[in-house]
Amino acid sequence: MSKIFKIILFLIFAIFFLFGFSTKDVNAQCLDDCICVTSSGSEASGDCTCGGADNCSGGSSPSCTLWGDNCGGSATPPPSACPCGTTNNGSCRSCESQCNPTWVVNCPSGTVKTNNLIGSQCVSKGSIWHCNGWFQLGSAQSEGSECGCTTTPAGCGECEQYWTNPNTGRTSCIRWDCWPATTTCSGRTANTYECLSTCNTTAPSAVSFSDDLLTWTTGTNGASQNLYVSTTQSDVTNNCGTGTSCTVNANLASSTDFYPFVSPLLPDTIYFVKIVNYQSVSCSSSTNYSFLTPVANEPWWQVMDGDVTTNGVLSSLVPAGNYFLSDGLGGFSGVAVYGTSLNLYLDTPERISVNIWNANTTSTLSRIFNYSYFENLIPNDIVFNDINDLPSGGVVVDSNGYEWYKVVGNLDTVGDIDITTRKVVLFVEEGNFNINGNINLTDGVGFFASFVNGNITIDSAVSGSPAIEGIYMADNNISTGAGDTQLHLRGSLASYGSVLLERELLDNSTPAELVEFAPDQMMLFPNQLQFKRAKWAEVAP
């Protein structure tokens, strides 16, 4: 091996020995008081000695490597992780002081900060505090700054950094900018302010439902509205989302204050309503409402100025705002007398009449005032007219001016009959009386009475105000005819069977059958047919 090769090998081995095996105390730095420290923060050991104010020198076990001023040397730079209050500047990896930073935790979306200070604090954390982090105090806006950093230790210049040996507690000044100086935060100021919502919508109000129309007063500061309607409350709570079945899910203009239900709503059903006033997706105000739809109007009947008496059930499904017994020209409602029960729309007694006159009782008569009873009262001297003369007028009248007619078998009227001022008494024996047209008379003067020992049936097309006048008595049933126009009868109905109310109007807000008591018909009732009681009196012999 040549001498030159041996010299090169020795140099390589020396360099390897100096730099390859020195792993403990390299990168030492000399402080002003001649203490050598390593980059890890501990004092350099071994033969490292302070060679001056700005450098370290040492022996061979281990060696010391000088850091040049301002990172000018070839030594390994300081660690990348910087201590409290500093940050790594990247290029030469010096740790620059970051004391007294300000910080802000903003109010949540949709809110703004006010000047209303809720609370403030300055918490000292000492050397364990990490300056580069903060937390929000509550939901309001928080902001502040560090209360300050610790003062420079005695003996260090105003602009010099300092370092405290964690092992010995000795503090020394550091001249080199690259040294990772440790600063200590003493605390932070935390100010918490009130956050005010920027959402200033108001909810719709005064919601009302009537006649298939929903109305309300709109809210303020909205850009649009949504209307949710369902028979299930959870549907509107969930804004008629997936899996719900809503009657209405409509987007409306912010100025809309009504909604007409085009499709019929279910009768006697509770509907839940939610009206939302939207300013944005995250800003809205809503109101909830519910309403009960009315029971579908069923056909009903009404009596004016008179009483109603039955030993059974008295029933009429009178809608709200109406009376079963109404006041007429007489000025007084009648009395509802029933034997079994009184059924007036959901058992509401206030719909009987203004006076609510009613009696739950039955009546027992020793006599039955049926066809046979009245037929037996016909005087022997009565002459019956031909039934064909009924429309125009009979030729025979009794001493009191009454025309008498009698038919055996069924009797069907043809067209309208106007009695005018005549007084007519009709008997239909062993048959039915079928009325196919109007029967009218002059009130207070004319009179008409029919006694039938079968049925009385009124054609469904018969209508008018009134359509039929007079007194009608049947041993069996009286039928009003299954029509869709009102039957107005002025007079009285009496049946020993049933009164079959068959009319049903397209709009049942008015009665399908209206029976108006006619006091003139009672006053003009013929004396021959009136109930007579024997009067006993002592007479002279």
Protein backbone atom coordinates (compact mmCIF):
# COMPACT_ATOMS: atom_id res chain seq x y z
CA MET A 1 0.00 0.00 0.00
CA SER A 2 1.45 3.34 -1.02
CA LYS A 3 2.08 6.17 1.37
CA ILE A 4 -0.33 8.47 -0.40
CA PHE A 5 -3.11 5.86 -0.17
CA LYS A 6 -2.40 5.40 3.56
CA ILE A 7 -2.67 9.16 4.16
CA ILE A 8 -6.04 9.34 2.28
CA LEU A 9 -7.36 6.32 4.21
CA PHE A 10 -6.33 7.91 7.48
CA LEU A 11 -8.08 11.15 6.60
CA ILE A 12 -11.28 9.30 5.66
CA PHE A 13 -11.13 7.32 8.90
CA ALA A 14 -10.55 10.50 10.90
CA ILE A 15 -13.49 12.27 9.28
CA PHE A 16 -15.67 9.20 9.80
CA PHE A 17 -14.54 9.04 13.39
CA LEU A 18 -15.30 12.70 14.00
CA PHE A 19 -18.65 12.84 12.25
CA GLY A 20 -19.83 9.30 12.03
CA PHE A 21 -19.46 8.22 15.64
CA SER A 22 -20.22 11.46 17.47
CA THR A 23 -23.95 11.10 18.14
CA LYS A 24 -24.41 12.40 21.64
CA ASP A 25 -23.09 15.90 22.08
CA VAL A 26 -22.82 17.32 18.57
CA ASN A 27 -24.27 20.66 17.57
CA ALA A 28 -23.26 22.24 20.88
CA GLN A 29 -23.44 26.01 21.28
CA CYS A 30 -21.48 28.21 23.58
CA LEU A 31 -23.38 30.59 25.78
CA ASP A 32 -22.05 33.86 27.18
CA ASP A 33 -21.12 32.31 30.48
CA CYS A 34 -19.13 29.55 28.75
CA ILE A 35 -21.67 26.80 29.17
CA CYS A 36 -21.84 24.51 26.17
CA VAL A 37 -25.29 23.16 25.37
CA THR A 38 -26.51 20.82 22.70
CA SER A 39 -29.44 21.26 20.37
CA SER A 40 -31.49 18.94 22.57
CA GLY A 41 -31.23 21.45 25.46
CA SER A 42 -28.75 19.62 27.71
CA GLU A 43 -25.25 20.68 28.67
CA ALA A 44 -22.53 19.33 26.43
CA SER A 45 -20.31 16.83 28.19
CA GLY A 46 -16.95 15.41 27.46
CA ASP A 47 -14.11 17.57 26.27
CA CYS A 48 -16.30 20.31 24.79
CA THR A 49 -14.99 23.63 26.06
CA CYS A 50 -15.99 27.18 25.44
CA GLY A 51 -13.54 28.59 22.92
CA GLY A 52 -14.83 32.10 23.15
CA ALA A 53 -17.96 34.06 23.30
CA ASP A 54 -19.17 32.84 19.94
CA ASN A 55 -17.95 29.30 19.56
CA CYS A 56 -17.30 25.99 21.20
CA SER A 57 -14.25 23.80 20.82
CA GLY A 58 -13.42 20.48 22.26
CA GLY A 59 -11.44 17.36 22.32
CA SER A 60 -11.94 14.14 20.47
CA SER A 61 -14.28 12.32 22.80
CA PRO A 62 -16.82 13.55 21.92
CA SER A 63 -16.12 16.39 19.60
CA CYS A 64 -17.95 19.74 19.54
CA THR A 65 -19.12 21.31 16.32
CA LEU A 66 -19.47 25.03 16.02
CA TRP A 67 -22.69 26.64 14.85
CA GLY A 68 -21.91 29.60 12.73
CA ASP A 69 -23.50 32.99 13.33
CA ASN A 70 -26.88 33.37 11.63
CA CYS A 71 -26.90 29.80 10.44
CA GLY A 72 -23.73 30.34 8.51
CA GLY A 73 -22.01 27.21 9.77
CA SER A 74 -22.26 23.69 8.44
CA ALA A 75 -23.76 22.15 11.56
CA THR A 76 -27.15 20.50 11.63
CA PRO A 77 -29.83 23.23 12.10
CA PRO A 78 -32.02 23.42 15.19
CA PRO A 79 -35.01 21.08 15.60
CA SER A 80 -38.09 21.84 13.50
CA ALA A 81 -40.52 21.78 16.42
CA CYS A 82 -40.62 25.13 18.11
CA PRO A 83 -41.50 25.70 21.76
CA CYS A 84 -44.23 27.83 23.26
CA GLY A 85 -44.73 31.27 21.76
CA THR A 86 -42.60 30.65 18.66
CA THR A 87 -42.95 29.40 15.15
CA ASN A 88 -40.52 27.88 12.66
CA ASN A 89 -39.65 30.34 9.88
CA GLY A 90 -38.72 27.58 7.48
CA SER A 91 -35.50 28.77 5.86
CA CYS A 92 -32.96 28.57 8.63
CA ARG A 93 -35.46 27.07 11.05
CA SER A 94 -35.11 29.69 13.68
CA CYS A 95 -37.97 29.97 16.14
CA GLU A 96 -39.46 33.44 15.89
CA SER A 97 -41.40 34.86 18.78
CA GLN A 98 -45.22 34.82 18.43
CA CYS A 99 -46.17 36.39 21.70
CA ASN A 100 -49.29 38.58 22.02
CA PRO A 101 -51.26 37.12 19.12
CA THR A 102 -54.95 37.97 18.76
CA TRP A 103 -57.55 35.32 18.09
CA VAL A 104 -61.29 35.15 17.27
CA VAL A 105 -63.94 32.47 17.45
CA ASN A 106 -66.73 33.79 15.28
CA CYS A 107 -70.44 33.64 16.02
CA PRO A 108 -72.31 30.73 14.43
CA SER A 109 -73.72 31.10 10.95
CA GLY A 110 -76.84 33.24 10.89
CA THR A 111 -75.74 35.38 13.84
CA VAL A 112 -73.63 38.50 14.36
CA LYS A 113 -71.53 39.74 17.26
CA THR A 114 -72.96 42.41 19.53
CA ASN A 115 -71.16 44.73 21.95
CA ASN A 116 -72.75 42.93 24.88
CA LEU A 117 -69.80 41.43 26.79
CA ILE A 118 -70.93 38.28 28.53
CA GLY A 119 -67.66 37.49 30.31
CA SER A 120 -63.88 37.97 30.32
CA GLN A 121 -61.00 36.07 31.87
CA CYS A 122 -57.20 35.81 31.82
CA VAL A 123 -55.99 32.36 32.72
CA SER A 124 -52.32 31.81 33.62
CA LYS A 125 -50.92 28.55 32.37
CA GLY A 126 -47.23 29.13 32.95
CA SER A 127 -44.66 27.25 30.93
CA ILE A 128 -47.02 24.39 30.04
CA TRP A 129 -49.37 26.71 28.13
CA HIS A 130 -49.42 26.28 24.36
CA CYS A 131 -49.93 29.63 22.73
CA ASN A 132 -50.96 28.35 19.32
CA GLY A 133 -54.47 27.16 20.22
CA TRP A 134 -57.68 28.27 21.87
CA PHE A 135 -61.16 27.05 22.52
CA GLN A 136 -64.58 28.65 22.18
CA LEU A 137 -66.34 29.61 25.37
CA GLY A 138 -69.98 28.65 24.92
CA SER A 139 -71.88 29.38 21.73
CA ALA A 140 -71.26 33.14 21.74
CA GLN A 141 -68.37 34.84 19.98
CA SER A 142 -65.02 34.67 21.83
CA GLU A 143 -61.94 36.77 21.16
CA GLY A 144 -58.84 38.10 22.96
CA SER A 145 -55.04 38.00 23.15
CA GLU A 146 -52.28 36.73 25.38
CA CYS A 147 -51.98 38.57 28.63
CA GLY A 148 -48.26 38.72 27.84
CA CYS A 149 -45.05 36.76 27.86
CA THR A 150 -42.59 36.49 30.74
CA THR A 151 -39.98 39.22 31.00
CA THR A 152 -36.49 38.72 29.73
CA PRO A 153 -34.28 37.23 32.51
CA ALA A 154 -31.85 39.52 34.23
CA GLY A 155 -28.54 39.86 32.45
CA CYS A 156 -29.92 39.46 28.93
CA GLY A 157 -30.17 42.34 26.54
CA GLU A 158 -33.53 43.70 25.57
CA CYS A 159 -33.38 42.11 22.14
CA GLU A 160 -31.55 38.96 23.16
CA GLN A 161 -33.26 35.62 23.51
CA TYR A 162 -32.73 33.52 26.55
CA TRP A 163 -32.69 29.88 27.49
CA THR A 164 -33.20 28.07 30.78
CA ASN A 165 -31.45 24.75 31.29
CA PRO A 166 -34.16 22.30 32.41
CA ASN A 167 -31.60 20.23 34.32
CA THR A 168 -29.88 22.96 36.29
CA GLY A 169 -32.40 25.77 36.15
CA ARG A 170 -29.66 28.15 34.98
CA THR A 171 -30.80 30.87 32.56
CA SER A 172 -28.45 32.28 29.92
CA CYS A 173 -28.76 34.74 27.06
CA ILE A 174 -28.46 33.52 23.48
CA ARG A 175 -26.97 35.69 20.80
CA TRP A 176 -27.51 33.50 17.77
CA ASP A 177 -30.84 34.00 16.02
CA CYS A 178 -31.04 30.36 15.11
CA TRP A 179 -31.23 29.14 18.67
CA PRO A 180 -34.76 27.87 19.58
CA ALA A 181 -35.45 30.22 22.43
CA THR A 182 -38.16 29.21 24.84
CA THR A 183 -40.64 31.91 25.74
CA THR A 184 -43.25 31.44 28.40
CA CYS A 185 -46.84 32.60 28.12
CA SER A 186 -48.33 33.82 31.37
CA GLY A 187 -51.94 33.68 30.26
CA ARG A 188 -54.59 34.84 27.82
CA THR A 189 -57.49 37.24 27.82
CA ALA A 190 -60.76 35.58 26.83
CA ASN A 191 -63.67 37.88 26.00
CA THR A 192 -67.05 36.32 25.20
CA TYR A 193 -69.70 38.41 23.46
CA GLU A 194 -73.36 37.85 22.76
CA CYS A 195 -74.26 36.57 19.30
CA LEU A 196 -77.47 38.06 17.88
CA SER A 197 -79.42 36.10 15.30
CA THR A 198 -79.69 37.74 11.91
CA CYS A 199 -82.91 35.71 11.38
CA ASN A 200 -85.72 38.15 12.12
CA THR A 201 -88.75 36.49 10.58
CA THR A 202 -92.04 36.32 12.45
CA ALA A 203 -94.48 33.44 12.27
CA PRO A 204 -97.84 33.58 10.48
CA SER A 205 -100.77 34.18 12.83
CA ALA A 206 -104.58 34.31 13.10
CA VAL A 207 -105.05 31.04 11.22
CA SER A 208 -108.68 30.20 10.50
CA PHE A 209 -110.68 27.63 8.53
CA SER A 210 -114.19 28.00 7.14
CA ASP A 211 -116.05 26.73 4.09
CA ASP A 212 -113.01 24.88 2.67
CA LEU A 213 -110.88 28.03 2.89
CA LEU A 214 -107.79 28.38 5.10
CA THR A 215 -106.78 31.97 5.90
CA TRP A 216 -104.03 33.55 7.99
CA THR A 217 -102.07 36.72 8.61
CA THR A 218 -98.63 36.52 6.99
CA GLY A 219 -95.43 36.81 9.00
CA THR A 220 -92.77 39.45 8.37
CA ASN A 221 -89.31 39.44 6.77
CA GLY A 222 -89.94 36.28 4.78
CA ALA A 223 -89.08 35.45 1.17
CA SER A 224 -91.49 32.53 0.75
CA GLN A 225 -93.93 30.32 2.63
CA ASN A 226 -94.67 26.62 2.82
CA LEU A 227 -98.02 25.14 3.74
CA TYR A 228 -98.27 21.62 5.11
CA VAL A 229 -101.67 19.99 5.80
CA SER A 230 -102.28 16.40 6.87
CA THR A 231 -104.60 14.25 8.93
CA THR A 232 -101.46 12.94 10.69
CA GLN A 233 -99.72 15.39 13.02
CA SER A 234 -96.25 13.89 12.56
CA ASP A 235 -96.51 14.52 8.81
CA VAL A 236 -96.62 18.30 9.23
CA THR A 237 -94.04 18.16 12.02
CA ASN A 238 -91.65 16.57 9.51
CA ASN A 239 -92.56 19.12 6.81
CA CYS A 240 -94.30 16.45 4.74
CA GLY A 241 -91.01 14.71 4.01
CA THR A 242 -90.37 11.25 2.64
CA GLY A 243 -92.74 8.63 3.97
CA THR A 244 -95.49 11.11 4.81
CA SER A 245 -98.85 11.43 3.12
CA CYS A 246 -99.95 15.04 3.19
CA THR A 247 -103.13 16.54 1.85
CA VAL A 248 -101.25 19.76 1.00
CA ASN A 249 -97.52 20.39 0.53
CA ALA A 250 -97.35 23.74 -1.22
CA ASN A 251 -94.76 26.47 -1.72
CA LEU A 252 -96.41 29.90 -1.63
CA ALA A 253 -95.40 33.50 -2.12
CA SER A 254 -94.55 35.43 1.02
CA SER A 255 -97.64 37.63 0.56
CA THR A 256 -100.14 34.77 0.24
CA ASP A 257 -102.63 34.71 3.12
CA PHE A 258 -105.19 32.12 2.04
CA TYR A 259 -105.48 28.64 0.56
CA PRO A 260 -108.67 27.18 -0.96
CA PHE A 261 -109.06 23.43 -0.73
CA VAL A 262 -110.05 22.36 -4.25
CA SER A 263 -110.33 18.67 -3.42
CA PRO A 264 -113.06 17.87 -0.87
CA LEU A 265 -111.82 17.33 2.65
CA LEU A 266 -112.96 14.36 4.68
CA PRO A 267 -115.99 15.27 6.81
CA ASP A 268 -115.80 15.19 10.59
CA THR A 269 -111.99 14.87 10.46
CA ILE A 270 -109.19 16.70 12.29
CA TYR A 271 -106.61 18.27 9.96
CA PHE A 272 -103.22 19.49 11.20
CA VAL A 273 -101.66 22.58 9.62
CA LYS A 274 -98.14 24.06 9.63
CA ILE A 275 -97.36 27.36 7.89
CA VAL A 276 -93.66 28.25 7.63
CA ASN A 277 -92.37 31.75 6.82
CA TYR A 278 -88.93 31.29 5.22
CA GLN A 279 -86.22 33.93 4.97
CA SER A 280 -83.66 31.28 4.04
CA VAL A 281 -83.04 27.59 4.56
CA SER A 282 -81.54 28.34 7.99
CA CYS A 283 -83.95 31.14 8.92
CA SER A 284 -87.68 30.59 9.31
CA SER A 285 -90.61 30.94 11.69
CA SER A 286 -93.67 28.72 11.73
CA THR A 287 -97.07 28.36 13.32
CA ASN A 288 -99.22 25.28 13.89
CA TYR A 289 -102.99 24.98 13.72
CA SER A 290 -105.65 22.30 13.54
CA PHE A 291 -109.30 22.29 12.55
CA LEU A 292 -112.23 19.88 12.53
CA THR A 293 -114.16 19.62 9.30
CA PRO A 294 -117.94 19.65 9.73
CA VAL A 295 -120.00 16.53 9.45
CA ALA A 296 -121.31 16.15 5.94
CA ASN A 297 -124.74 17.78 5.88
CA GLU A 298 -127.38 15.11 5.94
CA PRO A 299 -130.93 15.76 4.83
CA TRP A 300 -132.94 17.35 7.63
CA TRP A 301 -136.39 18.72 8.18
CA GLN A 302 -137.83 21.67 10.04
CA VAL A 303 -141.10 22.74 11.62
CA MET A 304 -142.15 26.38 11.70
CA ASP A 305 -144.53 27.87 14.26
CA GLY A 306 -145.80 24.50 15.49
CA ASP A 307 -145.35 21.50 17.74
CA VAL A 308 -144.03 18.06 16.84
CA THR A 309 -145.27 15.01 18.72
CA THR A 310 -144.26 11.36 18.53
CA ASN A 311 -144.26 8.42 20.92
CA GLY A 312 -141.04 7.18 19.30
CA VAL A 313 -137.77 8.78 18.12
CA LEU A 314 -137.76 12.40 16.99
CA SER A 315 -134.78 12.91 14.69
CA SER A 316 -133.51 15.68 12.43
CA LEU A 317 -129.80 16.31 11.73
CA VAL A 318 -129.98 20.07 12.06
CA PRO A 319 -126.73 21.77 10.93
CA ALA A 320 -125.06 24.53 12.91
CA GLY A 321 -126.75 27.90 12.83
CA ASN A 322 -130.25 26.44 12.41
CA TYR A 323 -133.16 25.32 14.60
CA PHE A 324 -135.40 22.32 14.34
CA LEU A 325 -138.39 24.38 15.53
CA SER A 326 -138.15 27.85 14.05
CA ASP A 327 -140.16 30.97 14.72
CA GLY A 328 -142.58 31.93 11.99
CA LEU A 329 -145.27 34.59 11.79
CA GLY A 330 -146.53 33.46 15.18
CA GLY A 331 -143.30 34.59 16.83
CA PHE A 332 -142.97 31.53 19.09
CA SER A 333 -141.26 28.23 18.44
CA GLY A 334 -143.17 25.07 19.20
CA VAL A 335 -142.50 22.18 21.55
CA ALA A 336 -140.65 18.99 20.60
CA VAL A 337 -142.45 16.09 22.30
CA TYR A 338 -140.82 12.68 21.98
CA GLY A 339 -141.30 9.31 23.62
CA THR A 340 -138.01 7.50 23.06
CA SER A 341 -135.22 9.93 22.13
CA LEU A 342 -134.48 13.26 20.52
CA ASN A 343 -131.71 13.18 17.93
CA LEU A 344 -130.57 16.56 16.70
CA TYR A 345 -127.02 16.62 15.26
CA LEU A 346 -124.59 15.28 17.87
CA ASP A 347 -127.18 15.63 20.64
CA THR A 348 -127.02 19.41 20.71
CA PRO A 349 -130.19 20.55 22.53
CA GLU A 350 -129.54 24.19 21.68
CA ARG A 351 -130.54 23.36 18.12
CA ILE A 352 -134.11 22.47 19.14
CA SER A 353 -135.23 26.09 19.11
CA VAL A 354 -134.48 29.51 20.50
CA ASN A 355 -136.40 28.55 23.64
CA ILE A 356 -135.18 24.91 23.68
CA TRP A 357 -138.71 23.77 24.53
CA ASN A 358 -138.94 19.95 24.57
CA ALA A 359 -140.66 17.19 26.52
CA ASN A 360 -139.75 13.54 26.91
CA THR A 361 -143.15 11.94 27.41
CA THR A 362 -145.70 9.70 25.78
CA SER A 363 -149.39 10.25 25.30
CA THR A 364 -152.19 7.70 25.50
CA LEU A 365 -155.59 8.50 24.00
CA SER A 366 -158.78 6.64 24.64
CA ARG A 367 -159.77 7.31 21.06
CA ILE A 368 -157.82 6.80 17.85
CA PHE A 369 -158.37 9.68 15.50
CA ASN A 370 -157.94 7.68 12.30
CA TYR A 371 -159.87 7.44 9.07
CA SER A 372 -162.74 5.46 10.60
CA TYR A 373 -163.15 7.99 13.40
CA PHE A 374 -163.62 10.92 11.04
CA GLU A 375 -165.71 8.94 8.55
CA ASN A 376 -168.16 8.08 11.30
CA LEU A 377 -168.61 11.76 12.05
CA ILE A 378 -169.86 12.59 8.54
CA PRO A 379 -173.47 13.76 8.87
CA ASN A 380 -176.12 11.72 7.06
CA ASP A 381 -177.31 14.67 5.06
CA ILE A 382 -173.90 15.29 3.45
CA VAL A 383 -173.93 15.03 -0.36
CA PHE A 384 -170.60 14.01 -1.95
CA ASN A 385 -169.51 15.66 -5.17
CA ASP A 386 -167.98 13.90 -8.16
CA ILE A 387 -164.21 13.65 -7.67
CA ASN A 388 -163.67 14.95 -11.20
CA ASP A 389 -165.10 18.28 -10.07
CA LEU A 390 -162.42 18.69 -7.38
CA PRO A 391 -159.99 20.79 -9.45
CA SER A 392 -162.53 23.32 -10.60
CA GLY A 393 -165.03 23.19 -7.75
CA GLY A 394 -168.00 21.10 -6.71
CA VAL A 395 -171.59 22.03 -7.41
CA VAL A 396 -172.85 21.00 -4.00
CA VAL A 397 -171.84 22.66 -0.74
CA ASP A 398 -173.24 22.15 2.72
CA SER A 399 -174.86 24.78 4.86
CA ASN A 400 -171.46 25.94 6.07
CA GLY A 401 -170.03 26.25 2.54
CA TYR A 402 -167.91 23.05 2.52
CA GLU A 403 -167.51 20.77 -0.52
CA TRP A 404 -167.38 17.05 0.33
CA TYR A 405 -165.67 14.37 -1.79
CA LYS A 406 -165.24 10.63 -1.28
CA VAL A 407 -163.28 8.06 -3.33
CA VAL A 408 -163.09 4.31 -2.83
CA GLY A 409 -159.72 3.06 -4.05
CA ASN A 410 -156.63 4.97 -5.15
CA LEU A 411 -156.78 8.64 -6.05
CA ASP A 412 -154.17 10.32 -8.24
CA THR A 413 -154.21 14.05 -8.77
CA VAL A 414 -153.34 15.46 -12.18
CA GLY A 415 -151.61 18.81 -12.35
CA ASP A 416 -151.87 21.59 -9.80
CA ILE A 417 -155.03 22.26 -7.82
CA ASP A 418 -155.81 25.75 -6.55
CA ILE A 419 -158.55 25.65 -3.91
CA THR A 420 -158.54 29.45 -3.63
CA THR A 421 -161.35 30.45 -1.23
CA ARG A 422 -163.22 27.14 -1.36
CA LYS A 423 -163.45 24.76 1.57
CA VAL A 424 -162.82 21.15 0.55
CA VAL A 425 -163.07 17.90 2.56
CA LEU A 426 -161.74 14.71 0.91
CA PHE A 427 -162.09 11.07 2.04
CA VAL A 428 -160.11 8.27 0.33
CA GLU A 429 -161.39 4.87 1.43
CA GLU A 430 -159.51 1.60 0.94
CA GLY A 431 -156.89 3.26 -1.21
CA ASN A 432 -153.93 5.61 -1.45
CA PHE A 433 -153.84 9.32 -2.16
CA ASN A 434 -151.07 10.14 -4.67
CA ILE A 435 -150.37 13.86 -5.01
CA ASN A 436 -148.75 14.69 -8.34
CA GLY A 437 -149.02 18.46 -8.29
CA ASN A 438 -149.28 21.46 -6.01
CA ILE A 439 -152.33 22.01 -3.82
CA ASN A 440 -152.72 25.65 -2.80
CA LEU A 441 -155.41 27.89 -1.31
CA THR A 442 -156.05 31.42 -0.19
CA ASP A 443 -154.65 31.77 3.31
CA GLY A 444 -157.20 32.55 5.98
CA VAL A 445 -160.15 31.79 3.69
CA GLY A 446 -159.59 28.57 1.78
CA PHE A 447 -159.49 25.15 3.45
CA PHE A 448 -158.43 21.64 2.42
CA ALA A 449 -158.40 18.39 4.45
CA SER A 450 -157.83 14.82 3.32
CA PHE A 451 -158.50 11.66 5.34
CA VAL A 452 -156.95 8.49 3.86
CA ASN A 453 -157.10 5.02 5.22
CA GLY A 454 -154.12 4.00 3.06
CA ASN A 455 -150.92 5.93 2.21
CA ILE A 456 -150.34 9.50 1.16
CA THR A 457 -147.50 9.83 -1.35
CA ILE A 458 -146.23 13.15 -2.69
CA ASP A 459 -144.46 13.14 -6.05
CA SER A 460 -140.76 14.07 -5.90
CA ALA A 461 -141.26 16.87 -8.43
CA VAL A 462 -143.77 18.72 -6.28
CA SER A 463 -142.16 21.94 -5.02
CA GLY A 464 -142.95 25.54 -4.28
CA SER A 465 -143.29 27.90 -1.35
CA PRO A 466 -145.54 26.50 -0.21
CA ALA A 467 -146.09 23.51 -2.47
CA ILE A 468 -148.93 21.93 -0.51
CA GLU A 469 -151.42 23.46 1.92
CA GLY A 470 -154.02 21.89 4.15
CA ILE A 471 -154.43 19.01 6.58
CA TYR A 472 -153.25 15.51 5.64
CA MET A 473 -154.08 12.41 7.71
CA ALA A 474 -153.22 8.80 6.81
CA ASP A 475 -153.76 5.51 8.56
CA ASN A 476 -150.53 4.23 7.06
CA ASN A 477 -147.50 6.18 5.81
CA ILE A 478 -146.97 9.67 4.47
CA SER A 479 -144.06 9.90 1.99
CA THR A 480 -142.54 13.17 0.84
CA GLY A 481 -140.99 11.75 -2.36
CA ALA A 482 -137.28 11.16 -3.05
CA GLY A 483 -136.49 14.46 -4.78
CA ASP A 484 -133.68 17.02 -4.65
CA THR A 485 -135.94 20.07 -4.19
CA GLN A 486 -137.43 21.27 -0.93
CA LEU A 487 -140.98 20.28 -0.02
CA HIS A 488 -142.69 23.14 1.80
CA LEU A 489 -146.00 22.11 3.34
CA ARG A 490 -148.17 24.70 5.04
CA GLY A 491 -150.57 22.90 7.31
CA SER A 492 -150.42 19.64 9.26
CA LEU A 493 -149.30 16.05 8.77
CA ALA A 494 -150.70 13.20 10.87
CA SER A 495 -149.84 9.55 10.35
CA TYR A 496 -150.60 6.37 12.28
CA GLY A 497 -147.79 4.70 10.38
CA SER A 498 -144.61 6.69 9.61
CA VAL A 499 -143.78 10.00 8.03
CA LEU A 500 -141.10 9.11 5.47
CA LEU A 501 -138.88 12.12 4.81
CA GLU A 502 -137.26 11.24 1.51
CA ARG A 503 -136.04 14.55 0.12
CA GLU A 504 -132.28 15.21 -0.12
CA LEU A 505 -131.05 18.51 -1.46
CA LEU A 506 -127.89 19.15 -3.40
CA ASP A 507 -127.10 21.69 -0.68
CA ASN A 508 -128.42 20.51 2.65
CA SER A 509 -127.80 23.82 4.37
CA THR A 510 -131.58 24.32 4.18
CA PRO A 511 -134.21 21.79 5.30
CA ALA A 512 -135.31 19.23 2.73
CA GLU A 513 -138.82 19.30 4.21
CA LEU A 514 -140.33 22.36 5.83
CA VAL A 515 -143.66 21.94 7.64
CA GLU A 516 -145.22 25.27 8.53
CA PHE A 517 -148.07 25.28 10.99
CA ALA A 518 -151.23 26.93 9.53
CA PRO A 519 -153.50 28.18 12.31
CA ASP A 520 -156.17 29.21 9.78
CA GLN A 521 -156.60 25.57 8.79
CA MET A 522 -157.28 24.68 12.41
CA MET A 523 -159.77 27.51 12.73
CA LEU A 524 -161.61 26.47 9.53
CA PHE A 525 -161.76 22.78 10.45
CA PRO A 526 -165.44 21.74 9.90
CA ASN A 527 -167.57 21.50 13.04
CA GLN A 528 -169.04 18.20 11.89
CA LEU A 529 -165.62 16.52 12.23
CA GLN A 530 -164.52 18.06 15.47
CA PHE A 531 -164.23 15.97 18.64
CA LYS A 532 -167.36 16.32 20.73
CA ARG A 533 -167.72 15.58 24.41
CA ALA A 534 -171.10 14.95 26.00
CA LYS A 535 -172.19 17.57 28.45
CA TRP A 536 -174.38 16.35 31.27
CA ALA A 537 -176.78 18.77 32.82
CA GLU A 538 -179.83 18.39 35.01
CA VAL A 539 -183.02 19.58 33.32
CA ALA A 540 -186.44 20.17 34.65
CA PRO A 541 -188.85 17.22 34.34
